[in-house]
N, C-alpha and C. Protein backbone atom coordinates (compact mmCIF):
# COMPACT_ATOMS: atom_id res chain seq x y z
N MET A 1 -47.30 11.38 48.61
CA MET A 1 -47.50 10.62 47.39
C MET A 1 -47.62 9.13 47.74
N GLU A 2 -48.66 8.50 47.25
CA GLU A 2 -48.89 7.08 47.55
C GLU A 2 -47.97 6.21 46.71
N GLN A 3 -47.36 5.25 47.38
CA GLN A 3 -46.48 4.32 46.68
C GLN A 3 -47.28 3.09 46.27
N THR A 4 -46.93 2.53 45.13
CA THR A 4 -47.58 1.31 44.68
C THR A 4 -46.54 0.21 44.57
N LEU A 5 -46.98 -1.00 44.83
CA LEU A 5 -46.09 -2.15 44.70
C LEU A 5 -45.72 -2.37 43.25
N SER A 6 -44.49 -2.72 43.02
CA SER A 6 -44.02 -3.06 41.68
C SER A 6 -44.24 -4.55 41.42
N LEU A 7 -44.66 -4.88 40.19
CA LEU A 7 -44.81 -6.30 39.83
C LEU A 7 -43.47 -7.02 39.83
N ASN A 8 -42.38 -6.26 39.80
CA ASN A 8 -41.04 -6.85 39.83
C ASN A 8 -40.52 -7.06 41.25
N ALA A 9 -41.30 -6.62 42.24
CA ALA A 9 -40.89 -6.80 43.64
C ALA A 9 -40.85 -8.28 43.98
N ARG A 10 -39.82 -8.67 44.69
CA ARG A 10 -39.69 -10.06 45.11
C ARG A 10 -40.27 -10.22 46.51
N VAL A 11 -40.99 -11.32 46.69
CA VAL A 11 -41.61 -11.64 47.98
C VAL A 11 -41.19 -13.05 48.37
N VAL A 12 -40.95 -13.25 49.65
CA VAL A 12 -40.60 -14.57 50.15
C VAL A 12 -41.23 -14.75 51.53
N ALA A 13 -41.64 -15.97 51.83
CA ALA A 13 -42.19 -16.27 53.15
C ALA A 13 -41.11 -16.03 54.21
N ALA A 14 -41.51 -15.46 55.32
CA ALA A 14 -40.59 -15.23 56.43
C ALA A 14 -40.14 -16.58 57.00
N GLN A 15 -38.93 -16.60 57.50
CA GLN A 15 -38.42 -17.83 58.11
C GLN A 15 -39.09 -18.07 59.44
N ASP A 16 -38.98 -19.28 59.92
CA ASP A 16 -39.48 -19.67 61.24
C ASP A 16 -40.99 -19.56 61.38
N GLN A 17 -41.71 -19.84 60.30
CA GLN A 17 -43.17 -19.94 60.37
C GLN A 17 -43.51 -21.42 60.31
N ILE A 18 -44.52 -21.80 61.05
CA ILE A 18 -44.99 -23.19 61.02
C ILE A 18 -46.31 -23.19 60.28
N PHE A 19 -46.45 -24.08 59.29
CA PHE A 19 -47.71 -24.13 58.58
C PHE A 19 -48.12 -25.57 58.31
N SER A 20 -49.43 -25.73 58.14
CA SER A 20 -49.98 -27.06 57.88
C SER A 20 -51.03 -26.95 56.79
N ASP A 21 -50.97 -27.87 55.85
CA ASP A 21 -51.94 -27.94 54.76
C ASP A 21 -53.12 -28.78 55.24
N LEU A 22 -54.30 -28.18 55.21
CA LEU A 22 -55.51 -28.84 55.69
C LEU A 22 -56.50 -29.00 54.54
N GLY A 23 -56.27 -29.98 53.69
CA GLY A 23 -57.20 -30.22 52.59
C GLY A 23 -57.29 -29.07 51.61
N GLY A 24 -56.17 -28.48 51.26
CA GLY A 24 -56.15 -27.40 50.30
C GLY A 24 -56.04 -26.02 50.93
N GLU A 25 -56.45 -25.90 52.17
CA GLU A 25 -56.29 -24.65 52.89
C GLU A 25 -55.03 -24.75 53.76
N ILE A 26 -54.55 -23.60 54.20
CA ILE A 26 -53.32 -23.56 54.99
C ILE A 26 -53.59 -22.83 56.31
N VAL A 27 -53.02 -23.33 57.38
CA VAL A 27 -52.99 -22.62 58.65
C VAL A 27 -51.52 -22.35 58.95
N ILE A 28 -51.22 -21.07 59.24
CA ILE A 28 -49.84 -20.65 59.49
C ILE A 28 -49.76 -20.09 60.91
N LEU A 29 -48.74 -20.52 61.63
CA LEU A 29 -48.47 -19.97 62.96
C LEU A 29 -47.31 -19.00 62.85
N ASN A 30 -47.55 -17.75 63.19
CA ASN A 30 -46.47 -16.78 63.31
C ASN A 30 -45.81 -17.06 64.66
N VAL A 31 -44.65 -17.66 64.62
CA VAL A 31 -43.97 -18.11 65.84
C VAL A 31 -43.67 -16.93 66.77
N ALA A 32 -43.30 -15.80 66.21
CA ALA A 32 -42.93 -14.64 67.03
C ALA A 32 -44.12 -14.10 67.82
N SER A 33 -45.30 -14.05 67.18
CA SER A 33 -46.47 -13.46 67.85
C SER A 33 -47.40 -14.49 68.46
N GLY A 34 -47.29 -15.74 68.03
CA GLY A 34 -48.18 -16.78 68.52
C GLY A 34 -49.56 -16.75 67.88
N VAL A 35 -49.71 -15.97 66.81
CA VAL A 35 -51.01 -15.81 66.14
C VAL A 35 -51.10 -16.77 64.96
N TYR A 36 -52.26 -17.43 64.85
CA TYR A 36 -52.54 -18.31 63.71
C TYR A 36 -53.23 -17.51 62.61
N HIS A 37 -52.92 -17.87 61.36
CA HIS A 37 -53.54 -17.24 60.19
C HIS A 37 -54.02 -18.35 59.27
N GLY A 38 -55.18 -18.18 58.67
CA GLY A 38 -55.72 -19.16 57.74
C GLY A 38 -55.78 -18.61 56.33
N LEU A 39 -55.49 -19.46 55.36
CA LEU A 39 -55.57 -19.09 53.95
C LEU A 39 -56.45 -20.09 53.22
N ASP A 40 -57.27 -19.57 52.30
CA ASP A 40 -58.10 -20.44 51.47
C ASP A 40 -57.24 -21.11 50.40
N GLU A 41 -57.87 -21.81 49.48
CA GLU A 41 -57.14 -22.59 48.47
C GLU A 41 -56.20 -21.72 47.64
N VAL A 42 -56.67 -20.57 47.17
CA VAL A 42 -55.82 -19.71 46.34
C VAL A 42 -54.72 -19.09 47.20
N GLY A 43 -55.07 -18.66 48.40
CA GLY A 43 -54.06 -18.13 49.31
C GLY A 43 -53.01 -19.17 49.64
N ALA A 44 -53.44 -20.42 49.80
CA ALA A 44 -52.50 -21.51 50.06
C ALA A 44 -51.54 -21.70 48.90
N ARG A 45 -52.05 -21.55 47.68
CA ARG A 45 -51.18 -21.67 46.50
C ARG A 45 -50.14 -20.56 46.50
N VAL A 46 -50.57 -19.34 46.82
CA VAL A 46 -49.63 -18.22 46.90
C VAL A 46 -48.58 -18.51 47.98
N TRP A 47 -49.02 -19.02 49.12
CA TRP A 47 -48.09 -19.35 50.21
C TRP A 47 -47.03 -20.35 49.73
N HIS A 48 -47.46 -21.38 49.02
CA HIS A 48 -46.50 -22.36 48.51
C HIS A 48 -45.54 -21.72 47.51
N LEU A 49 -46.05 -20.81 46.68
CA LEU A 49 -45.20 -20.14 45.69
C LEU A 49 -44.12 -19.30 46.36
N ILE A 50 -44.45 -18.65 47.48
CA ILE A 50 -43.46 -17.75 48.09
C ILE A 50 -42.52 -18.46 49.07
N GLN A 51 -42.52 -19.77 49.07
CA GLN A 51 -41.51 -20.48 49.86
C GLN A 51 -40.13 -20.26 49.25
N GLN A 52 -40.10 -19.84 47.99
CA GLN A 52 -38.88 -19.39 47.32
C GLN A 52 -39.16 -17.96 46.86
N PRO A 53 -38.15 -17.08 46.84
CA PRO A 53 -38.40 -15.70 46.40
C PRO A 53 -38.98 -15.68 44.98
N ARG A 54 -40.07 -14.95 44.81
CA ARG A 54 -40.71 -14.80 43.51
C ARG A 54 -41.17 -13.36 43.35
N THR A 55 -41.25 -12.91 42.10
CA THR A 55 -41.80 -11.58 41.88
C THR A 55 -43.32 -11.64 41.97
N ILE A 56 -43.91 -10.49 42.25
CA ILE A 56 -45.36 -10.42 42.29
C ILE A 56 -45.93 -10.80 40.93
N GLY A 57 -45.26 -10.39 39.86
CA GLY A 57 -45.70 -10.76 38.51
C GLY A 57 -45.69 -12.26 38.29
N GLU A 58 -44.67 -12.95 38.78
CA GLU A 58 -44.61 -14.41 38.66
C GLU A 58 -45.75 -15.08 39.42
N ILE A 59 -46.04 -14.56 40.60
CA ILE A 59 -47.13 -15.12 41.41
C ILE A 59 -48.45 -14.90 40.70
N ARG A 60 -48.68 -13.67 40.23
CA ARG A 60 -49.91 -13.36 39.49
C ARG A 60 -50.07 -14.29 38.30
N ASP A 61 -49.00 -14.46 37.51
CA ASP A 61 -49.08 -15.30 36.31
C ASP A 61 -49.40 -16.75 36.66
N ALA A 62 -48.83 -17.26 37.74
CA ALA A 62 -49.12 -18.64 38.16
C ALA A 62 -50.59 -18.79 38.53
N ILE A 63 -51.13 -17.83 39.26
CA ILE A 63 -52.55 -17.89 39.66
C ILE A 63 -53.44 -17.79 38.42
N LEU A 64 -53.09 -16.90 37.48
CA LEU A 64 -53.88 -16.77 36.25
C LEU A 64 -53.90 -18.06 35.46
N THR A 65 -52.80 -18.79 35.46
CA THR A 65 -52.71 -20.05 34.73
C THR A 65 -53.54 -21.14 35.39
N GLU A 66 -53.59 -21.13 36.71
CA GLU A 66 -54.21 -22.22 37.45
C GLU A 66 -55.68 -22.00 37.81
N TYR A 67 -56.15 -20.75 37.79
CA TYR A 67 -57.52 -20.44 38.21
C TYR A 67 -58.20 -19.55 37.19
N GLU A 68 -59.52 -19.65 37.12
CA GLU A 68 -60.29 -18.77 36.24
C GLU A 68 -60.57 -17.48 36.98
N VAL A 69 -59.84 -16.44 36.61
CA VAL A 69 -59.99 -15.13 37.25
C VAL A 69 -59.56 -14.07 36.25
N ALA A 70 -60.22 -12.92 36.29
CA ALA A 70 -59.85 -11.80 35.42
C ALA A 70 -58.47 -11.29 35.82
N PRO A 71 -57.62 -10.95 34.85
CA PRO A 71 -56.26 -10.51 35.17
C PRO A 71 -56.19 -9.34 36.15
N GLU A 72 -57.06 -8.34 35.97
CA GLU A 72 -57.02 -7.18 36.86
C GLU A 72 -57.40 -7.57 38.29
N GLN A 73 -58.43 -8.41 38.41
CA GLN A 73 -58.86 -8.87 39.73
C GLN A 73 -57.77 -9.71 40.39
N CYS A 74 -57.15 -10.57 39.61
CA CYS A 74 -56.07 -11.42 40.13
C CYS A 74 -54.93 -10.57 40.67
N GLU A 75 -54.52 -9.58 39.90
CA GLU A 75 -53.42 -8.72 40.32
C GLU A 75 -53.76 -7.99 41.62
N ARG A 76 -54.96 -7.43 41.70
CA ARG A 76 -55.38 -6.73 42.92
C ARG A 76 -55.40 -7.68 44.12
N ASP A 77 -55.99 -8.86 43.91
CA ASP A 77 -56.11 -9.82 45.01
C ASP A 77 -54.75 -10.33 45.49
N VAL A 78 -53.86 -10.62 44.53
CA VAL A 78 -52.52 -11.10 44.89
C VAL A 78 -51.77 -10.02 45.67
N MET A 79 -51.83 -8.78 45.19
CA MET A 79 -51.14 -7.69 45.89
C MET A 79 -51.71 -7.48 47.29
N THR A 80 -53.03 -7.54 47.41
CA THR A 80 -53.66 -7.38 48.72
C THR A 80 -53.22 -8.48 49.68
N LEU A 81 -53.26 -9.73 49.21
CA LEU A 81 -52.84 -10.85 50.05
C LEU A 81 -51.39 -10.71 50.47
N LEU A 82 -50.51 -10.37 49.54
CA LEU A 82 -49.09 -10.25 49.88
C LEU A 82 -48.87 -9.13 50.89
N GLN A 83 -49.58 -8.02 50.74
CA GLN A 83 -49.46 -6.93 51.72
C GLN A 83 -49.92 -7.40 53.09
N GLN A 84 -51.00 -8.17 53.14
CA GLN A 84 -51.49 -8.69 54.42
C GLN A 84 -50.48 -9.66 55.05
N LEU A 85 -49.88 -10.51 54.22
CA LEU A 85 -48.88 -11.45 54.74
C LEU A 85 -47.67 -10.71 55.30
N VAL A 86 -47.23 -9.66 54.60
CA VAL A 86 -46.10 -8.87 55.08
C VAL A 86 -46.46 -8.16 56.38
N GLN A 87 -47.64 -7.55 56.43
CA GLN A 87 -48.07 -6.84 57.64
C GLN A 87 -48.19 -7.79 58.84
N ALA A 88 -48.55 -9.04 58.58
CA ALA A 88 -48.69 -10.03 59.65
C ALA A 88 -47.34 -10.64 60.04
N GLY A 89 -46.26 -10.26 59.34
CA GLY A 89 -44.95 -10.80 59.65
C GLY A 89 -44.70 -12.18 59.07
N LEU A 90 -45.54 -12.59 58.11
CA LEU A 90 -45.42 -13.93 57.52
C LEU A 90 -44.61 -13.94 56.24
N ALA A 91 -44.37 -12.77 55.65
CA ALA A 91 -43.61 -12.68 54.40
C ALA A 91 -42.82 -11.38 54.43
N ASN A 92 -41.84 -11.30 53.53
CA ASN A 92 -40.99 -10.11 53.43
C ASN A 92 -40.83 -9.71 51.97
N TYR A 93 -40.73 -8.39 51.74
CA TYR A 93 -40.39 -7.86 50.42
C TYR A 93 -38.88 -7.70 50.35
N ALA A 94 -38.34 -7.89 49.16
CA ALA A 94 -36.95 -7.55 48.91
C ALA A 94 -36.88 -6.04 48.67
N ASP A 95 -35.68 -5.50 48.57
CA ASP A 95 -35.52 -4.07 48.30
C ASP A 95 -36.20 -3.71 46.98
N GLY A 96 -36.66 -2.48 46.89
CA GLY A 96 -37.25 -2.00 45.66
C GLY A 96 -38.67 -2.48 45.43
N ALA A 97 -39.39 -2.81 46.49
CA ALA A 97 -40.74 -3.33 46.33
C ALA A 97 -41.71 -2.27 45.83
N TYR A 98 -41.45 -1.01 46.19
CA TYR A 98 -42.37 0.06 45.80
C TYR A 98 -41.76 0.91 44.71
N SER A 99 -42.66 1.40 43.84
CA SER A 99 -42.20 2.31 42.78
C SER A 99 -42.82 3.67 42.97
């Protein structure tokens, strides 16, 4: 059975990451792996939001308020980005992330 992320799941940036804002975009160094990751303007906004634990729903709502995007597309894109950040070791889910 496939698990889906809950909008109530909390996400936070992993500790010990080095990042730099480059004119609206972000470059993040995963210190453990030595791999650099780049985020566009919207991804950079999500990165700034998860410097403190936030629910996926809170992140989605912030992006919807700040950018012109369809709610369904925003939710899909935010969840995809957060999954990628977690898989890259740049962010962590709190318990109960999946329903």
